Amino acid sequence: MKKKSKSKNNLKENIISSIVSTLLSVIYIIIVKNMDVRAIGPNNSSVGLSSINSFFKELLGNNMTIYKITEIFGLVALLVAAIYGIVGLLQLVKRKSIKKVDKKIIVLGILYVLVGLVYVFFEKVIINYRPVIIEGELEASFPSSHTMMAICICVSAIIMNKSYIKNKNYLKIVNVALVALMLIIVVGRFISGVHWFSDIVGGIIISITLLNYYFTINDLIKEK
């Protein structure tokens, strides 16, 4: 009874967290799009929260070497996601039914799809353009997709690892490596200067929102 009660409380808390973080994400996006907008970007592109963004831009400049390093580590994060994708695929082939695939894997797949949908949405709905021109043209900058990807993939992998890595020492090493990977990508993306400060913050806030939905769906499955 205590476990069921605790599970229900966790579900309620995660639902509330999902709603609150969604509202915060929407409010933040509106602020970035409409507050303190000035043409401080390349080709006179307009940027919201221009004062704080220009401050960090002038402070950090840009470093394409760090940018390329974060690109490589971003591929490592995608590899982590691919590993769990392969686990799910192998389960599907072996068990011959998607209903028999571990529910945790299915929920993880839903998270990956949500991350992808958010990425596509902000490629179409431009909030800010990059503070630097890469490959000769302006690119969408908000939110930092690497920040969003790193946080969602690494945090969800840490949770999944508890079920799939039985050796405690190995589990600890892998999870520490995932935390390091996440920090390298997020911090590296910021100091490389290929994103505005508001892009990084947006990536973090939206990641928290997506993870709250991930936790909520996991709890809903436990309830069933």
C-alpha atoms as a PDB file:
ATOM      1  CA  MET A   1       0.000   0.000   0.000  1.00  0.00           C
ATOM      2  CA  LYS A   2       2.822   2.376   0.903  1.00  0.00           C
ATOM      3  CA  LYS A   3       4.527   1.715  -2.457  1.00  0.00           C
ATOM      4  CA  LYS A   4       1.299   2.415  -4.356  1.00  0.00           C
ATOM      5  CA  SER A   5       0.718   5.601  -2.371  1.00  0.00           C
ATOM      6  CA  LYS A   6       4.286   6.727  -3.005  1.00  0.00           C
ATOM      7  CA  SER A   7       3.936   5.925  -6.697  1.00  0.00           C
ATOM      8  CA  LYS A   8       0.736   7.983  -6.955  1.00  0.00           C
ATOM      9  CA  ASN A   9       2.389  10.902  -5.179  1.00  0.00           C
ATOM     10  CA  ASN A  10       5.342  10.735  -7.581  1.00  0.00           C
ATOM     11  CA  LEU A  11       2.938  10.694 -10.523  1.00  0.00           C
ATOM     12  CA  LYS A  12       1.074  13.756  -9.236  1.00  0.00           C
ATOM     13  CA  GLU A  13       4.339  15.600  -8.621  1.00  0.00           C
ATOM     14  CA  ASN A  14       5.595  14.799 -12.119  1.00  0.00           C
ATOM     15  CA  ILE A  15       2.328  15.895 -13.725  1.00  0.00           C
ATOM     16  CA  ILE A  16       2.497  19.192 -11.844  1.00  0.00           C
ATOM     17  CA  SER A  17       6.166  19.590 -12.769  1.00  0.00           C
ATOM     18  CA  SER A  18       5.340  18.924 -16.427  1.00  0.00           C
ATOM     19  CA  ILE A  19       2.615  21.590 -16.445  1.00  0.00           C
ATOM     20  CA  VAL A  20       4.752  24.153 -14.615  1.00  0.00           C
ATOM     21  CA  SER A  21       7.835  23.578 -16.773  1.00  0.00           C
ATOM     22  CA  THR A  22       5.716  23.772 -19.936  1.00  0.00           C
ATOM     23  CA  LEU A  23       4.336  27.139 -18.844  1.00  0.00           C
ATOM     24  CA  LEU A  24       7.827  28.361 -17.972  1.00  0.00           C
ATOM     25  CA  SER A  25       9.093  27.245 -21.379  1.00  0.00           C
ATOM     26  CA  VAL A  26       6.307  29.094 -23.187  1.00  0.00           C
ATOM     27  CA  ILE A  27       6.826  32.242 -21.091  1.00  0.00           C
ATOM     28  CA  TYR A  28      10.580  32.130 -21.677  1.00  0.00           C
ATOM     29  CA  ILE A  29      10.132  31.729 -25.445  1.00  0.00           C
ATOM     30  CA  ILE A  30       7.762  34.709 -25.524  1.00  0.00           C
ATOM     31  CA  ILE A  31      10.274  36.780 -23.538  1.00  0.00           C
ATOM     32  CA  VAL A  32      13.191  35.849 -25.822  1.00  0.00           C
ATOM     33  CA  LYS A  33      11.136  36.615 -28.915  1.00  0.00           C
ATOM     34  CA  ASN A  34       9.777  39.977 -27.769  1.00  0.00           C
ATOM     35  CA  MET A  35      11.900  41.537 -25.020  1.00  0.00           C
ATOM     36  CA  ASP A  36      14.916  43.808 -25.608  1.00  0.00           C
ATOM     37  CA  VAL A  37      15.027  42.958 -29.320  1.00  0.00           C
ATOM     38  CA  ARG A  38      17.843  44.603 -31.291  1.00  0.00           C
ATOM     39  CA  ALA A  39      19.661  43.906 -34.546  1.00  0.00           C
ATOM     40  CA  ILE A  40      22.933  42.700 -33.008  1.00  0.00           C
ATOM     41  CA  GLY A  41      23.297  39.476 -34.975  1.00  0.00           C
ATOM     42  CA  PRO A  42      25.066  38.795 -38.277  1.00  0.00           C
ATOM     43  CA  ASN A  43      23.450  40.505 -41.288  1.00  0.00           C
ATOM     44  CA  ASN A  44      21.590  42.746 -38.823  1.00  0.00           C
ATOM     45  CA  SER A  45      19.488  39.834 -37.607  1.00  0.00           C
ATOM     46  CA  SER A  46      17.286  40.718 -34.637  1.00  0.00           C
ATOM     47  CA  VAL A  47      18.003  39.088 -31.284  1.00  0.00           C
ATOM     48  CA  GLY A  48      15.845  39.044 -28.149  1.00  0.00           C
ATOM     49  CA  LEU A  49      17.342  39.713 -24.711  1.00  0.00           C
ATOM     50  CA  SER A  50      20.019  41.532 -26.679  1.00  0.00           C
ATOM     51  CA  SER A  51      21.722  43.215 -23.726  1.00  0.00           C
ATOM     52  CA  ILE A  52      22.598  40.044 -21.831  1.00  0.00           C
ATOM     53  CA  ASN A  53      23.282  38.147 -25.054  1.00  0.00           C
ATOM     54  CA  SER A  54      25.670  40.803 -26.374  1.00  0.00           C
ATOM     55  CA  PHE A  55      27.419  40.924 -22.977  1.00  0.00           C
ATOM     56  CA  PHE A  56      28.292  37.220 -23.088  1.00  0.00           C
ATOM     57  CA  LYS A  57      29.076  37.383 -26.789  1.00  0.00           C
ATOM     58  CA  GLU A  58      31.655  40.129 -26.240  1.00  0.00           C
ATOM     59  CA  LEU A  59      32.995  38.357 -23.153  1.00  0.00           C
ATOM     60  CA  LEU A  60      33.468  34.948 -24.785  1.00  0.00           C
ATOM     61  CA  GLY A  61      33.886  35.701 -28.479  1.00  0.00           C
ATOM     62  CA  ASN A  62      33.806  32.527 -30.534  1.00  0.00           C
ATOM     63  CA  ASN A  63      36.049  29.485 -30.717  1.00  0.00           C
ATOM     64  CA  MET A  64      35.477  27.153 -33.653  1.00  0.00           C
ATOM     65  CA  THR A  65      37.828  24.529 -32.224  1.00  0.00           C
ATOM     66  CA  ILE A  66      35.596  24.103 -29.187  1.00  0.00           C
ATOM     67  CA  TYR A  67      32.600  24.130 -31.542  1.00  0.00           C
ATOM     68  CA  LYS A  68      34.042  21.202 -33.506  1.00  0.00           C
ATOM     69  CA  ILE A  69      34.828  19.345 -30.270  1.00  0.00           C
ATOM     70  CA  THR A  70      31.198  19.701 -29.155  1.00  0.00           C
ATOM     71  CA  GLU A  71      30.104  18.394 -32.566  1.00  0.00           C
ATOM     72  CA  ILE A  72      32.155  15.232 -31.949  1.00  0.00           C
ATOM     73  CA  PHE A  73      30.829  14.782 -28.414  1.00  0.00           C
ATOM     74  CA  GLY A  74      27.336  15.360 -29.780  1.00  0.00           C
ATOM     75  CA  LEU A  75      27.861  12.297 -31.981  1.00  0.00           C
ATOM     76  CA  VAL A  76      28.863  10.351 -28.868  1.00  0.00           C
ATOM     77  CA  ALA A  77      25.557  11.342 -27.244  1.00  0.00           C
ATOM     78  CA  LEU A  78      23.707  10.173 -30.357  1.00  0.00           C
ATOM     79  CA  LEU A  79      25.622   6.888 -30.114  1.00  0.00           C
ATOM     80  CA  VAL A  80      24.291   6.442 -26.578  1.00  0.00           C
ATOM     81  CA  ALA A  81      20.761   6.943 -27.897  1.00  0.00           C
ATOM     82  CA  ALA A  82      21.474   4.511 -30.758  1.00  0.00           C
ATOM     83  CA  ILE A  83      22.617   1.818 -28.316  1.00  0.00           C
ATOM     84  CA  TYR A  84      19.265   1.855 -26.542  1.00  0.00           C
ATOM     85  CA  GLY A  85      17.553   1.992 -29.913  1.00  0.00           C
ATOM     86  CA  ILE A  86      19.393  -1.189 -30.888  1.00  0.00           C
ATOM     87  CA  VAL A  87      18.427  -2.816 -27.571  1.00  0.00           C
ATOM     88  CA  GLY A  88      14.780  -2.100 -28.341  1.00  0.00           C
ATOM     89  CA  LEU A  89      15.134  -3.337 -31.925  1.00  0.00           C
ATOM     90  CA  LEU A  90      16.748  -6.596 -30.781  1.00  0.00           C
ATOM     91  CA  GLN A  91      13.946  -7.121 -28.270  1.00  0.00           C
ATOM     92  CA  LEU A  92      11.380  -6.536 -31.023  1.00  0.00           C
ATOM     93  CA  VAL A  93      13.057  -9.044 -33.365  1.00  0.00           C
ATOM     94  CA  LYS A  94      13.532 -11.653 -30.638  1.00  0.00           C
ATOM     95  CA  ARG A  95      10.108 -11.317 -29.017  1.00  0.00           C
ATOM     96  CA  LYS A  96       8.280 -10.696 -32.313  1.00  0.00           C
ATOM     97  CA  SER A  97       5.868  -8.160 -30.819  1.00  0.00           C
ATOM     98  CA  ILE A  98       6.198  -4.496 -29.927  1.00  0.00           C
ATOM     99  CA  LYS A  99       3.952  -5.223 -26.931  1.00  0.00           C
ATOM    100  CA  LYS A 100       6.717  -7.439 -25.516  1.00  0.00           C
ATOM    101  CA  VAL A 101       9.430  -4.807 -25.840  1.00  0.00           C
ATOM    102  CA  ASP A 102      10.362  -3.365 -22.430  1.00  0.00           C
ATOM    103  CA  LYS A 103       8.014  -0.495 -21.668  1.00  0.00           C
ATOM    104  CA  LYS A 104      10.951   1.586 -20.499  1.00  0.00           C
ATOM    105  CA  ILE A 105      12.469   1.302 -23.966  1.00  0.00           C
ATOM    106  CA  ILE A 106       9.173   2.373 -25.562  1.00  0.00           C
ATOM    107  CA  VAL A 107       8.960   5.431 -23.283  1.00  0.00           C
ATOM    108  CA  LEU A 108      12.577   6.278 -24.080  1.00  0.00           C
ATOM    109  CA  GLY A 109      11.698   6.121 -27.769  1.00  0.00           C
ATOM    110  CA  ILE A 110       8.834   8.543 -27.132  1.00  0.00           C
ATOM    111  CA  LEU A 111      11.287  10.958 -25.484  1.00  0.00           C
ATOM    112  CA  TYR A 112      13.616  10.761 -28.491  1.00  0.00           C
ATOM    113  CA  VAL A 113      10.694  11.476 -30.826  1.00  0.00           C
ATOM    114  CA  LEU A 114       9.681  14.502 -28.725  1.00  0.00           C
ATOM    115  CA  VAL A 115      13.235  15.859 -28.841  1.00  0.00           C
ATOM    116  CA  GLY A 116      13.221  15.429 -32.611  1.00  0.00           C
ATOM    117  CA  LEU A 117       9.849  17.169 -32.980  1.00  0.00           C
ATOM    118  CA  VAL A 118      10.997  20.124 -30.874  1.00  0.00           C
ATOM    119  CA  TYR A 119      14.130  20.413 -33.002  1.00  0.00           C
ATOM    120  CA  VAL A 120      12.112  20.415 -36.244  1.00  0.00           C
ATOM    121  CA  PHE A 121       9.610  22.918 -34.809  1.00  0.00           C
ATOM    122  CA  PHE A 122      12.289  25.480 -33.969  1.00  0.00           C
ATOM    123  CA  GLU A 123      13.960  24.986 -37.340  1.00  0.00           C
ATOM    124  CA  LYS A 124      10.708  26.220 -38.861  1.00  0.00           C
ATOM    125  CA  VAL A 125       9.690  28.730 -36.179  1.00  0.00           C
ATOM    126  CA  ILE A 126      12.781  30.920 -35.829  1.00  0.00           C
ATOM    127  CA  ILE A 127      13.225  32.611 -32.461  1.00  0.00           C
ATOM    128  CA  ASN A 128      16.856  33.703 -32.896  1.00  0.00           C
ATOM    129  CA  TYR A 129      19.610  33.190 -35.456  1.00  0.00           C
ATOM    130  CA  ARG A 130      23.155  32.185 -34.539  1.00  0.00           C
ATOM    131  CA  PRO A 131      25.624  34.879 -33.439  1.00  0.00           C
ATOM    132  CA  VAL A 132      28.032  33.565 -36.090  1.00  0.00           C
ATOM    133  CA  ILE A 133      27.586  32.541 -39.710  1.00  0.00           C
ATOM    134  CA  ILE A 134      28.459  28.895 -40.321  1.00  0.00           C
ATOM    135  CA  GLU A 135      28.827  27.522 -43.858  1.00  0.00           C
ATOM    136  CA  GLY A 136      27.869  30.864 -45.373  1.00  0.00           C
ATOM    137  CA  GLU A 137      24.311  31.278 -44.116  1.00  0.00           C
ATOM    138  CA  LEU A 138      22.300  32.207 -41.045  1.00  0.00           C
ATOM    139  CA  GLU A 139      21.035  29.236 -39.056  1.00  0.00           C
ATOM    140  CA  ALA A 140      18.349  28.890 -36.410  1.00  0.00           C
ATOM    141  CA  SER A 141      19.939  29.163 -32.985  1.00  0.00           C
ATOM    142  CA  PHE A 142      17.158  28.796 -30.411  1.00  0.00           C
ATOM    143  CA  PRO A 143      17.141  26.569 -28.468  1.00  0.00           C
ATOM    144  CA  SER A 144      20.595  25.014 -28.469  1.00  0.00           C
ATOM    145  CA  SER A 145      19.769  21.599 -29.947  1.00  0.00           C
ATOM    146  CA  HIS A 146      23.039  20.116 -28.666  1.00  0.00           C
ATOM    147  CA  THR A 147      22.197  21.277 -25.146  1.00  0.00           C
ATOM    148  CA  MET A 148      18.711  19.806 -25.409  1.00  0.00           C
ATOM    149  CA  MET A 149      19.966  16.556 -26.907  1.00  0.00           C
ATOM    150  CA  ALA A 150      22.793  16.119 -24.395  1.00  0.00           C
ATOM    151  CA  ILE A 151      20.603  16.672 -21.346  1.00  0.00           C
ATOM    152  CA  CYS A 152      17.703  14.503 -22.521  1.00  0.00           C
ATOM    153  CA  ILE A 153      19.849  11.634 -23.770  1.00  0.00           C
ATOM    154  CA  CYS A 154      22.305  11.577 -20.865  1.00  0.00           C
ATOM    155  CA  VAL A 155      19.756  11.949 -18.054  1.00  0.00           C
ATOM    156  CA  SER A 156      17.410   9.333 -19.533  1.00  0.00           C
ATOM    157  CA  ALA A 157      20.352   6.966 -20.134  1.00  0.00           C
ATOM    158  CA  ILE A 158      21.414   7.301 -16.488  1.00  0.00           C
ATOM    159  CA  ILE A 159      17.899   6.279 -15.469  1.00  0.00           C
ATOM    160  CA  MET A 160      17.790   3.396 -17.964  1.00  0.00           C
ATOM    161  CA  ASN A 161      21.212   2.115 -16.944  1.00  0.00           C
ATOM    162  CA  LYS A 162      19.862   1.109 -13.526  1.00  0.00           C
ATOM    163  CA  SER A 163      17.807  -1.596 -15.223  1.00  0.00           C
ATOM    164  CA  TYR A 164      20.335  -2.757 -17.804  1.00  0.00           C
ATOM    165  CA  ILE A 165      23.752  -2.529 -16.118  1.00  0.00           C
ATOM    166  CA  LYS A 166      23.922  -4.916 -13.171  1.00  0.00           C
ATOM    167  CA  ASN A 167      27.552  -4.389 -12.162  1.00  0.00           C
ATOM    168  CA  LYS A 168      27.495  -1.473  -9.688  1.00  0.00           C
ATOM    169  CA  ASN A 169      31.071  -0.386 -10.342  1.00  0.00           C
ATOM    170  CA  TYR A 170      30.539  -0.390 -14.108  1.00  0.00           C
ATOM    171  CA  LEU A 171      27.229   1.422 -13.635  1.00  0.00           C
ATOM    172  CA  LYS A 172      28.927   4.157 -11.628  1.00  0.00           C
ATOM    173  CA  ILE A 173      31.684   4.618 -14.225  1.00  0.00           C
ATOM    174  CA  VAL A 174      29.207   4.801 -17.119  1.00  0.00           C
ATOM    175  CA  ASN A 175      26.941   7.274 -15.317  1.00  0.00           C
ATOM    176  CA  VAL A 176      29.846   9.535 -14.344  1.00  0.00           C
ATOM    177  CA  ALA A 177      30.966   9.470 -17.974  1.00  0.00           C
ATOM    178  CA  LEU A 178      27.442  10.463 -19.058  1.00  0.00           C
ATOM    179  CA  VAL A 179      27.378  13.402 -16.637  1.00  0.00           C
ATOM    180  CA  ALA A 180      30.797  14.501 -17.939  1.00  0.00           C
ATOM    181  CA  LEU A 181      29.578  14.147 -21.537  1.00  0.00           C
ATOM    182  CA  MET A 182      26.521  16.272 -20.815  1.00  0.00           C
ATOM    183  CA  LEU A 183      28.544  19.024 -19.132  1.00  0.00           C
ATOM    184  CA  ILE A 184      31.181  19.083 -21.868  1.00  0.00           C
ATOM    185  CA  ILE A 185      28.542  19.546 -24.556  1.00  0.00           C
ATOM    186  CA  VAL A 186      26.472  22.165 -22.710  1.00  0.00           C
ATOM    187  CA  VAL A 187      29.398  24.228 -21.398  1.00  0.00           C
ATOM    188  CA  GLY A 188      31.375  23.764 -24.600  1.00  0.00           C
ATOM    189  CA  ARG A 189      28.469  24.906 -26.716  1.00  0.00           C
ATOM    190  CA  PHE A 190      28.178  28.050 -24.597  1.00  0.00           C
ATOM    191  CA  ILE A 191      31.853  29.053 -24.525  1.00  0.00           C
ATOM    192  CA  SER A 192      32.335  28.244 -28.218  1.00  0.00           C
ATOM    193  CA  GLY A 193      30.192  31.301 -29.016  1.00  0.00           C
ATOM    194  CA  VAL A 194      28.018  29.570 -31.641  1.00  0.00           C
ATOM    195  CA  HIS A 195      24.927  30.187 -29.506  1.00  0.00           C
ATOM    196  CA  TRP A 196      23.522  33.148 -27.645  1.00  0.00           C
ATOM    197  CA  PHE A 197      23.281  32.833 -23.865  1.00  0.00           C
ATOM    198  CA  SER A 198      19.481  32.722 -24.186  1.00  0.00           C
ATOM    199  CA  ASP A 199      19.776  29.719 -26.540  1.00  0.00           C
ATOM    200  CA  ILE A 200      21.626  27.676 -23.932  1.00  0.00           C
ATOM    201  CA  VAL A 201      19.155  28.623 -21.205  1.00  0.00           C
ATOM    202  CA  GLY A 202      16.297  27.778 -23.561  1.00  0.00           C
ATOM    203  CA  GLY A 203      17.838  24.385 -24.280  1.00  0.00           C
ATOM    204  CA  ILE A 204      18.067  23.667 -20.548  1.00  0.00           C
ATOM    205  CA  ILE A 205      14.499  24.780 -19.780  1.00  0.00           C
ATOM    206  CA  ILE A 206      12.980  22.837 -22.677  1.00  0.00           C
ATOM    207  CA  SER A 207      15.049  19.764 -21.750  1.00  0.00           C
ATOM    208  CA  ILE A 208      13.679  19.880 -18.217  1.00  0.00           C
ATOM    209  CA  THR A 209      10.157  20.072 -19.657  1.00  0.00           C
ATOM    210  CA  LEU A 210      10.714  17.067 -21.937  1.00  0.00           C
ATOM    211  CA  LEU A 211      12.269  15.058 -19.111  1.00  0.00           C
ATOM    212  CA  ASN A 212       9.304  15.864 -16.861  1.00  0.00           C
ATOM    213  CA  TYR A 213       7.008  14.353 -19.496  1.00  0.00           C
ATOM    214  CA  TYR A 214       9.367  11.370 -19.712  1.00  0.00           C
ATOM    215  CA  PHE A 215       9.142  10.855 -15.944  1.00  0.00           C
ATOM    216  CA  THR A 216       5.357  11.269 -16.035  1.00  0.00           C
ATOM    217  CA  ILE A 217       4.872   8.675 -18.769  1.00  0.00           C
ATOM    218  CA  ASN A 218       7.144   6.266 -16.904  1.00  0.00           C
ATOM    219  CA  ASP A 219       5.058   6.711 -13.756  1.00  0.00           C
ATOM    220  CA  LEU A 220       1.818   6.232 -15.709  1.00  0.00           C
ATOM    221  CA  ILE A 221       3.131   2.892 -16.960  1.00  0.00           C
ATOM    222  CA  LYS A 222       4.061   1.859 -13.418  1.00  0.00           C
ATOM    223  CA  GLU A 223       0.524   2.678 -12.291  1.00  0.00           C
ATOM    224  CA  LYS A 224      -0.872   0.298 -14.904  1.00  0.00           C
END
